[in-house]
């Protein structure tokens, strides 16, 4: 099964779920060739995440803005010890991403050359792997890509998502973030 065929299957399933008002899962990583009908048997899904605002046993799920505010409140100013023990500096970035995530790929393609050119270490957390997903949950990260900016071993800033339509915008943005939070 190629990527286009897989995307067609996914879109058909999503359209059916919307049409029939069925609950949907947030799938953290899809490997090419896995049929969606068998996904729960083929992959270990750690949780079912309802859409923002949808009711859960604990009440309505927080909005995306509320979740980001909570994440920042819980993490900014906290000490961070990198998972990647080869990182020796106390100023670095942490990138939560998944192999099959197109936004993660774009972020890495545009941000990483700038980060590398500045000599900044990167602690990469692959949320598609069991240990990466467990760490993501522990940290409270609900979306990816998510980038933590750590200076003097303390989280200074959190950036969630990637939405730059032009590479130049992304380069300017990451440069500004580095200058503001890491230098």
C-alpha atoms as a PDB file:
ATOM      1  CA  UNK A   1       0.000   0.000   0.000  1.00  0.00           C
ATOM      2  CA  UNK A   2       1.494   3.357  -0.972  1.00  0.00           C
ATOM      3  CA  UNK A   3       1.026   6.645   0.863  1.00  0.00           C
ATOM      4  CA  UNK A   4      -1.765   7.891  -1.444  1.00  0.00           C
ATOM      5  CA  UNK A   5      -3.765   4.682  -1.010  1.00  0.00           C
ATOM      6  CA  UNK A   6      -3.315   4.883   2.751  1.00  0.00           C
ATOM      7  CA  UNK A   7      -4.449   8.517   2.822  1.00  0.00           C
ATOM      8  CA  UNK A   8      -7.547   7.620   0.772  1.00  0.00           C
ATOM      9  CA  UNK A   9      -8.459   4.882   3.250  1.00  0.00           C
ATOM     10  CA  UNK A  10      -7.967   7.273   6.163  1.00  0.00           C
ATOM     11  CA  UNK A  11     -10.127   9.963   4.560  1.00  0.00           C
ATOM     12  CA  UNK A  12     -12.914   7.447   3.824  1.00  0.00           C
ATOM     13  CA  UNK A  13     -12.899   6.315   7.469  1.00  0.00           C
ATOM     14  CA  UNK A  14     -12.941   9.894   8.754  1.00  0.00           C
ATOM     15  CA  UNK A  15     -15.796  10.877   6.426  1.00  0.00           C
ATOM     16  CA  UNK A  16     -17.804   7.836   7.557  1.00  0.00           C
ATOM     17  CA  UNK A  17     -17.148   8.617  11.231  1.00  0.00           C
ATOM     18  CA  UNK A  18     -18.280  12.224  10.770  1.00  0.00           C
ATOM     19  CA  UNK A  19     -21.354  11.228   8.723  1.00  0.00           C
ATOM     20  CA  UNK A  20     -22.485   8.658  11.276  1.00  0.00           C
ATOM     21  CA  UNK A  21     -21.368  10.737  14.305  1.00  0.00           C
ATOM     22  CA  UNK A  22     -18.987   8.013  15.489  1.00  0.00           C
ATOM     23  CA  UNK A  23     -16.222   8.659  18.030  1.00  0.00           C
ATOM     24  CA  UNK A  24     -12.714   8.845  16.567  1.00  0.00           C
ATOM     25  CA  UNK A  25      -9.313   8.046  18.004  1.00  0.00           C
ATOM     26  CA  UNK A  26      -6.294  10.276  17.855  1.00  0.00           C
ATOM     27  CA  UNK A  27      -3.684   7.939  16.358  1.00  0.00           C
ATOM     28  CA  UNK A  28      -0.147   8.910  17.259  1.00  0.00           C
ATOM     29  CA  UNK A  29       1.670   7.075  14.484  1.00  0.00           C
ATOM     30  CA  UNK A  30       0.621   5.128  11.414  1.00  0.00           C
ATOM     31  CA  UNK A  31       3.133   2.877   9.705  1.00  0.00           C
ATOM     32  CA  UNK A  32       2.567   2.469   5.986  1.00  0.00           C
ATOM     33  CA  UNK A  33       0.562  -0.611   5.098  1.00  0.00           C
ATOM     34  CA  UNK A  34      -1.424  -0.996   8.328  1.00  0.00           C
ATOM     35  CA  UNK A  35      -5.151  -1.150   7.637  1.00  0.00           C
ATOM     36  CA  UNK A  36      -7.196   1.200   9.808  1.00  0.00           C
ATOM     37  CA  UNK A  37      -9.723  -1.575  10.566  1.00  0.00           C
ATOM     38  CA  UNK A  38      -6.962  -3.484  12.355  1.00  0.00           C
ATOM     39  CA  UNK A  39      -5.134  -0.549  13.858  1.00  0.00           C
ATOM     40  CA  UNK A  40      -6.141  -1.191  17.457  1.00  0.00           C
ATOM     41  CA  UNK A  41      -4.971  -4.801  17.142  1.00  0.00           C
ATOM     42  CA  UNK A  42      -1.779  -3.905  15.244  1.00  0.00           C
ATOM     43  CA  UNK A  43      -0.608  -1.010  17.357  1.00  0.00           C
ATOM     44  CA  UNK A  44      -0.554  -0.318  21.037  1.00  0.00           C
ATOM     45  CA  UNK A  45      -2.611   2.825  21.416  1.00  0.00           C
ATOM     46  CA  UNK A  46      -1.935   4.297  24.818  1.00  0.00           C
ATOM     47  CA  UNK A  47      -5.060   6.393  25.024  1.00  0.00           C
ATOM     48  CA  UNK A  48      -8.160   7.540  23.254  1.00  0.00           C
ATOM     49  CA  UNK A  49      -8.189  11.320  23.032  1.00  0.00           C
ATOM     50  CA  UNK A  50     -11.558  12.948  22.360  1.00  0.00           C
ATOM     51  CA  UNK A  51     -11.721  16.103  20.295  1.00  0.00           C
ATOM     52  CA  UNK A  52     -11.235  19.372  22.153  1.00  0.00           C
ATOM     53  CA  UNK A  53     -14.449  20.222  24.021  1.00  0.00           C
ATOM     54  CA  UNK A  54     -15.883  16.692  23.680  1.00  0.00           C
ATOM     55  CA  UNK A  55     -17.176  15.130  26.896  1.00  0.00           C
ATOM     56  CA  UNK A  56     -14.999  12.595  28.698  1.00  0.00           C
ATOM     57  CA  UNK A  57     -15.609  10.692  31.960  1.00  0.00           C
ATOM     58  CA  UNK A  58     -13.736  13.543  33.670  1.00  0.00           C
ATOM     59  CA  UNK A  59     -15.904  16.219  31.991  1.00  0.00           C
ATOM     60  CA  UNK A  60     -15.323  18.176  28.749  1.00  0.00           C
ATOM     61  CA  UNK A  61     -11.825  18.012  27.327  1.00  0.00           C
ATOM     62  CA  UNK A  62     -10.018  21.309  27.620  1.00  0.00           C
ATOM     63  CA  UNK A  63      -9.710  23.543  24.581  1.00  0.00           C
ATOM     64  CA  UNK A  64      -6.422  23.574  22.717  1.00  0.00           C
ATOM     65  CA  UNK A  65      -5.676  27.012  24.191  1.00  0.00           C
ATOM     66  CA  UNK A  66      -6.461  25.814  27.733  1.00  0.00           C
ATOM     67  CA  UNK A  67      -4.255  22.747  27.221  1.00  0.00           C
ATOM     68  CA  UNK A  68      -1.347  24.888  25.995  1.00  0.00           C
ATOM     69  CA  UNK A  69      -1.759  27.307  28.917  1.00  0.00           C
ATOM     70  CA  UNK A  70      -1.763  24.373  31.353  1.00  0.00           C
ATOM     71  CA  UNK A  71       1.313  22.853  29.674  1.00  0.00           C
ATOM     72  CA  UNK A  72       3.192  26.152  29.937  1.00  0.00           C
ATOM     73  CA  UNK A  73       2.071  26.680  33.547  1.00  0.00           C
ATOM     74  CA  UNK A  74       3.267  23.184  34.463  1.00  0.00           C
ATOM     75  CA  UNK A  75       6.614  23.231  32.619  1.00  0.00           C
ATOM     76  CA  UNK A  76       8.019  26.742  32.207  1.00  0.00           C
ATOM     77  CA  UNK A  77      10.511  27.437  34.966  1.00  0.00           C
ATOM     78  CA  UNK A  78      10.978  23.743  35.770  1.00  0.00           C
ATOM     79  CA  UNK A  79      14.334  21.999  35.575  1.00  0.00           C
ATOM     80  CA  UNK A  80      14.784  19.608  32.661  1.00  0.00           C
ATOM     81  CA  UNK A  81      17.242  16.741  32.480  1.00  0.00           C
ATOM     82  CA  UNK A  82      17.637  15.580  28.856  1.00  0.00           C
ATOM     83  CA  UNK A  83      16.761  11.997  27.976  1.00  0.00           C
ATOM     84  CA  UNK A  84      19.660  12.031  25.522  1.00  0.00           C
ATOM     85  CA  UNK A  85      22.577  11.623  27.919  1.00  0.00           C
ATOM     86  CA  UNK A  86      25.088  12.633  25.228  1.00  0.00           C
ATOM     87  CA  UNK A  87      23.904  16.230  25.688  1.00  0.00           C
ATOM     88  CA  UNK A  88      26.503  17.872  27.898  1.00  0.00           C
ATOM     89  CA  UNK A  89      25.403  21.516  27.618  1.00  0.00           C
ATOM     90  CA  UNK A  90      22.704  22.904  29.881  1.00  0.00           C
ATOM     91  CA  UNK A  91      21.212  24.979  27.046  1.00  0.00           C
ATOM     92  CA  UNK A  92      19.439  22.962  24.343  1.00  0.00           C
ATOM     93  CA  UNK A  93      16.084  22.310  22.676  1.00  0.00           C
ATOM     94  CA  UNK A  94      13.767  19.328  23.100  1.00  0.00           C
ATOM     95  CA  UNK A  95      11.694  18.266  20.087  1.00  0.00           C
ATOM     96  CA  UNK A  96       8.661  16.010  20.524  1.00  0.00           C
ATOM     97  CA  UNK A  97       7.759  14.622  17.089  1.00  0.00           C
ATOM     98  CA  UNK A  98       6.532  11.531  15.250  1.00  0.00           C
ATOM     99  CA  UNK A  99       7.973   9.856  12.171  1.00  0.00           C
ATOM    100  CA  UNK A 100       4.734  10.017  10.159  1.00  0.00           C
ATOM    101  CA  UNK A 101       3.819  13.598  11.127  1.00  0.00           C
ATOM    102  CA  UNK A 102       4.108  15.996   8.153  1.00  0.00           C
ATOM    103  CA  UNK A 103       4.270  19.085  10.401  1.00  0.00           C
ATOM    104  CA  UNK A 104       7.101  17.481  12.379  1.00  0.00           C
ATOM    105  CA  UNK A 105       9.016  16.830   9.156  1.00  0.00           C
ATOM    106  CA  UNK A 106       8.554  20.438   8.039  1.00  0.00           C
ATOM    107  CA  UNK A 107       9.640  21.770  11.427  1.00  0.00           C
ATOM    108  CA  UNK A 108      12.762  19.608  11.417  1.00  0.00           C
ATOM    109  CA  UNK A 109      13.562  20.466   7.788  1.00  0.00           C
ATOM    110  CA  UNK A 110      13.392  24.228   8.453  1.00  0.00           C
ATOM    111  CA  UNK A 111      14.395  24.563  12.127  1.00  0.00           C
ATOM    112  CA  UNK A 112      17.197  22.004  12.452  1.00  0.00           C
ATOM    113  CA  UNK A 113      19.710  23.660  10.095  1.00  0.00           C
ATOM    114  CA  UNK A 114      19.333  26.898  12.087  1.00  0.00           C
ATOM    115  CA  UNK A 115      19.627  25.100  15.426  1.00  0.00           C
ATOM    116  CA  UNK A 116      22.637  23.099  14.208  1.00  0.00           C
ATOM    117  CA  UNK A 117      24.346  26.215  12.810  1.00  0.00           C
ATOM    118  CA  UNK A 118      24.025  27.851  16.231  1.00  0.00           C
ATOM    119  CA  UNK A 119      25.657  24.816  17.872  1.00  0.00           C
ATOM    120  CA  UNK A 120      22.611  24.020  19.997  1.00  0.00           C
ATOM    121  CA  UNK A 121      22.075  20.414  21.105  1.00  0.00           C
ATOM    122  CA  UNK A 122      18.740  18.706  20.424  1.00  0.00           C
ATOM    123  CA  UNK A 123      17.003  16.148  22.642  1.00  0.00           C
ATOM    124  CA  UNK A 124      14.715  14.356  20.153  1.00  0.00           C
ATOM    125  CA  UNK A 125      11.699  12.515  21.581  1.00  0.00           C
ATOM    126  CA  UNK A 126       9.919  10.241  19.068  1.00  0.00           C
ATOM    127  CA  UNK A 127       6.343   9.980  20.363  1.00  0.00           C
ATOM    128  CA  UNK A 128       5.751   7.100  17.942  1.00  0.00           C
ATOM    129  CA  UNK A 129       7.993   4.871  20.066  1.00  0.00           C
ATOM    130  CA  UNK A 130       6.650   3.437  23.334  1.00  0.00           C
ATOM    131  CA  UNK A 131       9.286   5.113  25.511  1.00  0.00           C
ATOM    132  CA  UNK A 132       8.854   8.446  23.709  1.00  0.00           C
ATOM    133  CA  UNK A 133       5.079   8.285  24.021  1.00  0.00           C
ATOM    134  CA  UNK A 134       5.329   7.421  27.728  1.00  0.00           C
ATOM    135  CA  UNK A 135       7.642  10.407  28.266  1.00  0.00           C
ATOM    136  CA  UNK A 136       5.289  12.656  26.270  1.00  0.00           C
ATOM    137  CA  UNK A 137       2.440  11.642  28.584  1.00  0.00           C
ATOM    138  CA  UNK A 138       4.591  12.191  31.678  1.00  0.00           C
ATOM    139  CA  UNK A 139       5.468  15.707  30.489  1.00  0.00           C
ATOM    140  CA  UNK A 140       1.861  16.511  29.559  1.00  0.00           C
ATOM    141  CA  UNK A 141       2.576  17.115  25.860  1.00  0.00           C
ATOM    142  CA  UNK A 142      -0.624  16.515  23.862  1.00  0.00           C
ATOM    143  CA  UNK A 143       0.339  17.753  20.396  1.00  0.00           C
ATOM    144  CA  UNK A 144       3.362  17.540  18.191  1.00  0.00           C
ATOM    145  CA  UNK A 145       5.624  18.884  17.053  1.00  0.00           C
ATOM    146  CA  UNK A 146       6.349  20.541  20.393  1.00  0.00           C
ATOM    147  CA  UNK A 147       9.654  22.275  21.063  1.00  0.00           C
ATOM    148  CA  UNK A 148      10.933  23.086  24.554  1.00  0.00           C
ATOM    149  CA  UNK A 149      13.646  25.738  24.848  1.00  0.00           C
ATOM    150  CA  UNK A 150      15.913  24.908  27.808  1.00  0.00           C
ATOM    151  CA  UNK A 151      18.493  27.380  29.145  1.00  0.00           C
ATOM    152  CA  UNK A 152      20.652  26.654  32.186  1.00  0.00           C
ATOM    153  CA  UNK A 153      18.700  23.359  32.547  1.00  0.00           C
ATOM    154  CA  UNK A 154      15.397  25.245  32.992  1.00  0.00           C
ATOM    155  CA  UNK A 155      12.505  25.256  30.501  1.00  0.00           C
ATOM    156  CA  UNK A 156      12.172  28.837  29.276  1.00  0.00           C
ATOM    157  CA  UNK A 157       9.672  28.572  26.402  1.00  0.00           C
ATOM    158  CA  UNK A 158       7.362  26.074  24.689  1.00  0.00           C
ATOM    159  CA  UNK A 159       6.419  26.173  21.020  1.00  0.00           C
ATOM    160  CA  UNK A 160       3.602  23.881  19.836  1.00  0.00           C
ATOM    161  CA  UNK A 161       2.913  23.086  16.183  1.00  0.00           C
ATOM    162  CA  UNK A 162       4.365  24.332  12.944  1.00  0.00           C
ATOM    163  CA  UNK A 163       2.408  26.539  10.602  1.00  0.00           C
ATOM    164  CA  UNK A 164       4.787  28.588   8.489  1.00  0.00           C
ATOM    165  CA  UNK A 165       3.767  28.684   4.839  1.00  0.00           C
ATOM    166  CA  UNK A 166       7.207  29.863   3.723  1.00  0.00           C
ATOM    167  CA  UNK A 167      10.576  28.494   4.801  1.00  0.00           C
ATOM    168  CA  UNK A 168      11.873  32.031   5.319  1.00  0.00           C
ATOM    169  CA  UNK A 169       9.140  32.675   7.922  1.00  0.00           C
ATOM    170  CA  UNK A 170      10.165  29.537   9.802  1.00  0.00           C
ATOM    171  CA  UNK A 171      13.856  30.478   9.743  1.00  0.00           C
ATOM    172  CA  UNK A 172      13.125  33.971  11.072  1.00  0.00           C
ATOM    173  CA  UNK A 173      10.782  32.529  13.731  1.00  0.00           C
ATOM    174  CA  UNK A 174      13.236  29.942  15.095  1.00  0.00           C
ATOM    175  CA  UNK A 175      16.066  32.502  15.002  1.00  0.00           C
ATOM    176  CA  UNK A 176      13.942  34.938  17.036  1.00  0.00           C
ATOM    177  CA  UNK A 177      13.016  32.192  19.537  1.00  0.00           C
ATOM    178  CA  UNK A 178      16.657  31.163  19.976  1.00  0.00           C
ATOM    179  CA  UNK A 179      17.755  34.784  20.451  1.00  0.00           C
ATOM    180  CA  UNK A 180      14.974  35.479  22.943  1.00  0.00           C
ATOM    181  CA  UNK A 181      15.086  32.292  25.022  1.00  0.00           C
ATOM    182  CA  UNK A 182      18.522  30.699  24.665  1.00  0.00           C
ATOM    183  CA  UNK A 183      21.047  33.529  24.400  1.00  0.00           C
END
